[in-house]
Structure formats: C-alpha cells, structure tokens
Amino acid sequence: MCVNMCKIPTQDFFTIEFGLRLTMTPNFEDMSCEMVYGQVPPAFEEDPASKQPCFAEICSLANPSSSVCHKLQA
C-alpha cells in the first residue's frame, strides 16, 4: 500500500510537476517515511521497497510464504 499509493505517486508528482527529484524511503518498522530531496529515485525493480514482503498479520490477502508482496507492481 505504501509503495503503490504514496511512494511512487509522490516521487512522480514532485519530479513531473515541480522538476524536483525526490526519493522516499519507507520505514516498514514504524510506518514512517524519509523524504530525500534532490536524490533521483531508483528504478522500481532496484528499489528495496519493491521487495517488501506482505504484512501477513495485517493483510487478509497476504501470502506469508511469499518473499514479496503480490500487490507491488511496477
């Protein structure tokens, strides 16, 4: 949810609308996010956030045996 609803759209918005590079680094432990202005975001496939497993305790659709959340998409 963080990656698809916040991280990617916000990075795109700042880059396209303001011409300001932004990398958002989610902290999946406390659900916060660090915004690093001026830093080019990594390609989705190379971004550590794209390899985040599902939160099996929270999401009823999660597959606990999967290493990557099935909802993450490029």
N, C-alpha and C. Protein backbone atom coordinates (compact mmCIF):
# COMPACT_ATOMS: atom_id res chain seq x y z
N MET A 1 0.82 -1.18 0.00
CA MET A 1 0.00 0.00 0.00
C MET A 1 0.87 1.25 0.00
N CYS A 2 1.88 1.26 0.82
CA CYS A 2 2.78 2.41 0.91
C CYS A 2 3.42 2.72 -0.44
N VAL A 3 3.91 1.70 -1.10
CA VAL A 3 4.63 1.89 -2.35
C VAL A 3 3.71 2.34 -3.48
N ASN A 4 2.58 1.68 -3.65
CA ASN A 4 1.67 1.99 -4.76
C ASN A 4 0.84 3.24 -4.54
N MET A 5 0.46 3.53 -3.30
CA MET A 5 -0.43 4.66 -3.04
C MET A 5 0.30 5.93 -2.65
N CYS A 6 1.52 5.81 -2.19
CA CYS A 6 2.22 7.00 -1.68
C CYS A 6 3.58 7.21 -2.34
N LYS A 7 4.49 6.27 -2.15
CA LYS A 7 5.87 6.44 -2.58
C LYS A 7 6.00 6.78 -4.07
N ILE A 8 5.54 5.90 -4.93
CA ILE A 8 5.69 6.09 -6.38
C ILE A 8 4.93 7.33 -6.87
N PRO A 9 3.63 7.50 -6.50
CA PRO A 9 2.91 8.69 -6.97
C PRO A 9 3.53 10.00 -6.48
N THR A 10 3.99 10.04 -5.24
CA THR A 10 4.59 11.27 -4.71
C THR A 10 5.91 11.59 -5.39
N GLN A 11 6.74 10.58 -5.59
CA GLN A 11 8.01 10.79 -6.29
C GLN A 11 7.75 11.31 -7.70
N ASP A 12 6.78 10.70 -8.39
CA ASP A 12 6.44 11.13 -9.75
C ASP A 12 5.90 12.55 -9.76
N PHE A 13 5.03 12.87 -8.80
CA PHE A 13 4.43 14.20 -8.73
C PHE A 13 5.51 15.28 -8.57
N PHE A 14 6.41 15.10 -7.62
CA PHE A 14 7.46 16.09 -7.39
C PHE A 14 8.36 16.23 -8.62
N THR A 15 8.68 15.12 -9.26
CA THR A 15 9.55 15.16 -10.43
C THR A 15 8.88 15.83 -11.61
N ILE A 16 7.64 15.43 -11.90
CA ILE A 16 6.94 15.93 -13.09
C ILE A 16 6.41 17.35 -12.89
N GLU A 17 5.73 17.59 -11.78
CA GLU A 17 5.07 18.88 -11.55
C GLU A 17 6.02 19.99 -11.11
N PHE A 18 7.02 19.65 -10.29
CA PHE A 18 7.92 20.66 -9.75
C PHE A 18 9.34 20.59 -10.32
N GLY A 19 9.65 19.52 -11.04
CA GLY A 19 11.01 19.36 -11.55
C GLY A 19 12.01 19.13 -10.43
N LEU A 20 11.54 18.59 -9.31
CA LEU A 20 12.38 18.37 -8.13
C LEU A 20 12.49 16.87 -7.88
N ARG A 21 13.70 16.38 -7.95
CA ARG A 21 13.90 14.95 -7.71
C ARG A 21 13.63 14.65 -6.24
N LEU A 22 12.99 13.53 -6.01
CA LEU A 22 12.63 13.13 -4.65
C LEU A 22 12.68 11.62 -4.54
N THR A 23 13.35 11.14 -3.50
CA THR A 23 13.33 9.72 -3.18
C THR A 23 12.69 9.57 -1.82
N MET A 24 11.68 8.74 -1.75
CA MET A 24 11.03 8.45 -0.47
C MET A 24 11.50 7.08 -0.01
N THR A 25 11.96 7.03 1.24
CA THR A 25 12.46 5.79 1.81
C THR A 25 11.56 5.37 2.95
N PRO A 26 10.70 4.39 2.72
CA PRO A 26 9.79 3.95 3.78
C PRO A 26 10.51 3.18 4.87
N ASN A 27 10.03 3.38 6.10
CA ASN A 27 10.50 2.60 7.23
C ASN A 27 9.33 1.68 7.59
N PHE A 28 9.43 0.42 7.24
CA PHE A 28 8.34 -0.51 7.44
C PHE A 28 8.22 -0.97 8.89
N GLU A 29 9.16 -0.59 9.74
CA GLU A 29 9.09 -0.92 11.16
C GLU A 29 8.09 -0.01 11.87
N ASP A 30 8.21 1.32 11.63
CA ASP A 30 7.34 2.27 12.34
C ASP A 30 6.35 2.97 11.40
N MET A 31 6.33 2.54 10.13
CA MET A 31 5.41 3.07 9.11
C MET A 31 5.62 4.56 8.81
N SER A 32 6.85 5.03 9.01
CA SER A 32 7.18 6.41 8.64
C SER A 32 7.88 6.41 7.29
N CYS A 33 8.21 7.60 6.80
CA CYS A 33 8.87 7.70 5.51
C CYS A 33 9.82 8.88 5.52
N GLU A 34 11.02 8.68 5.02
CA GLU A 34 12.01 9.76 4.90
C GLU A 34 11.96 10.28 3.46
N MET A 35 11.89 11.59 3.33
CA MET A 35 11.87 12.22 2.00
C MET A 35 13.24 12.84 1.76
N VAL A 36 13.91 12.38 0.70
CA VAL A 36 15.24 12.88 0.37
C VAL A 36 15.13 13.68 -0.92
N TYR A 37 15.16 14.99 -0.79
CA TYR A 37 15.03 15.88 -1.94
C TYR A 37 16.35 15.97 -2.69
N GLY A 38 16.25 16.03 -4.03
CA GLY A 38 17.43 16.14 -4.88
C GLY A 38 18.04 14.81 -5.25
N GLN A 39 17.53 13.74 -4.70
CA GLN A 39 18.05 12.40 -5.00
C GLN A 39 17.14 11.71 -6.00
N VAL A 40 17.73 11.22 -7.07
CA VAL A 40 16.96 10.50 -8.10
C VAL A 40 16.49 9.17 -7.52
N PRO A 41 15.19 8.88 -7.61
CA PRO A 41 14.71 7.61 -7.08
C PRO A 41 15.22 6.44 -7.92
N PRO A 42 15.49 5.31 -7.28
CA PRO A 42 15.94 4.14 -8.05
C PRO A 42 14.81 3.60 -8.91
N ALA A 43 15.17 2.87 -9.93
CA ALA A 43 14.17 2.18 -10.75
C ALA A 43 13.39 1.24 -9.83
N PHE A 44 12.10 1.05 -10.12
CA PHE A 44 11.26 0.22 -9.27
C PHE A 44 11.89 -1.14 -9.00
N GLU A 45 12.41 -1.77 -10.03
CA GLU A 45 12.98 -3.11 -9.90
C GLU A 45 14.20 -3.13 -8.98
N GLU A 46 14.87 -2.00 -8.82
CA GLU A 46 16.07 -1.92 -7.99
C GLU A 46 15.78 -1.36 -6.60
N ASP A 47 14.58 -0.86 -6.40
CA ASP A 47 14.20 -0.22 -5.13
C ASP A 47 13.96 -1.28 -4.06
N PRO A 48 14.63 -1.17 -2.90
CA PRO A 48 14.40 -2.14 -1.82
C PRO A 48 12.93 -2.22 -1.40
N ALA A 49 12.19 -1.13 -1.52
CA ALA A 49 10.77 -1.13 -1.14
C ALA A 49 9.95 -2.06 -2.03
N SER A 50 10.41 -2.29 -3.25
CA SER A 50 9.68 -3.18 -4.16
C SER A 50 9.83 -4.65 -3.79
N LYS A 51 10.72 -4.93 -2.87
CA LYS A 51 10.96 -6.30 -2.45
C LYS A 51 10.41 -6.57 -1.06
N GLN A 52 9.55 -5.68 -0.59
CA GLN A 52 8.97 -5.80 0.74
C GLN A 52 7.95 -6.93 0.80
N PRO A 53 8.07 -7.83 1.79
CA PRO A 53 7.06 -8.89 1.90
C PRO A 53 5.74 -8.33 2.42
N CYS A 54 4.69 -9.09 2.26
CA CYS A 54 3.37 -8.70 2.77
C CYS A 54 3.38 -8.68 4.29
N PHE A 55 2.47 -7.88 4.84
CA PHE A 55 2.26 -7.87 6.28
C PHE A 55 1.18 -8.90 6.59
N ALA A 56 1.58 -10.13 6.77
CA ALA A 56 0.64 -11.23 6.93
C ALA A 56 -0.28 -11.05 8.14
N GLU A 57 0.20 -10.35 9.17
CA GLU A 57 -0.61 -10.14 10.36
C GLU A 57 -1.71 -9.11 10.12
N ILE A 58 -1.53 -8.24 9.12
CA ILE A 58 -2.45 -7.14 8.87
C ILE A 58 -3.34 -7.40 7.66
N CYS A 59 -2.77 -7.94 6.61
CA CYS A 59 -3.48 -8.10 5.34
C CYS A 59 -4.05 -9.51 5.20
N SER A 60 -5.37 -9.58 5.00
CA SER A 60 -6.01 -10.89 4.87
C SER A 60 -5.68 -11.58 3.54
N LEU A 61 -5.18 -10.81 2.57
CA LEU A 61 -4.82 -11.38 1.27
C LEU A 61 -3.35 -11.80 1.20
N ALA A 62 -2.61 -11.54 2.25
CA ALA A 62 -1.17 -11.82 2.26
C ALA A 62 -0.87 -13.30 2.17
N ASN A 63 0.22 -13.60 1.51
CA ASN A 63 0.72 -14.96 1.43
C ASN A 63 1.99 -15.01 2.28
N PRO A 64 1.91 -15.52 3.50
CA PRO A 64 3.06 -15.50 4.41
C PRO A 64 4.31 -16.19 3.85
N SER A 65 4.14 -17.11 2.92
CA SER A 65 5.31 -17.82 2.38
C SER A 65 5.99 -17.06 1.24
N SER A 66 5.35 -15.98 0.75
CA SER A 66 5.93 -15.21 -0.35
C SER A 66 6.95 -14.21 0.18
N SER A 67 8.04 -14.05 -0.54
CA SER A 67 9.08 -13.11 -0.11
C SER A 67 8.77 -11.67 -0.54
N VAL A 68 7.85 -11.50 -1.49
CA VAL A 68 7.48 -10.18 -1.99
C VAL A 68 5.96 -10.07 -1.99
N CYS A 69 5.45 -8.90 -1.60
CA CYS A 69 4.02 -8.69 -1.59
C CYS A 69 3.48 -8.75 -3.02
N HIS A 70 2.40 -9.50 -3.21
CA HIS A 70 1.81 -9.67 -4.54
C HIS A 70 1.17 -8.38 -5.06
N LYS A 71 0.94 -7.40 -4.19
CA LYS A 71 0.32 -6.14 -4.61
C LYS A 71 1.33 -5.13 -5.15
N LEU A 72 2.61 -5.38 -4.98
CA LEU A 72 3.62 -4.47 -5.51
C LEU A 72 3.72 -4.65 -7.02
N GLN A 73 3.67 -3.53 -7.73
CA GLN A 73 3.72 -3.60 -9.18
C GLN A 73 4.53 -2.45 -9.74
N ALA A 74 5.17 -2.69 -10.84
CA ALA A 74 5.98 -1.66 -11.49
C ALA A 74 5.10 -0.73 -12.28
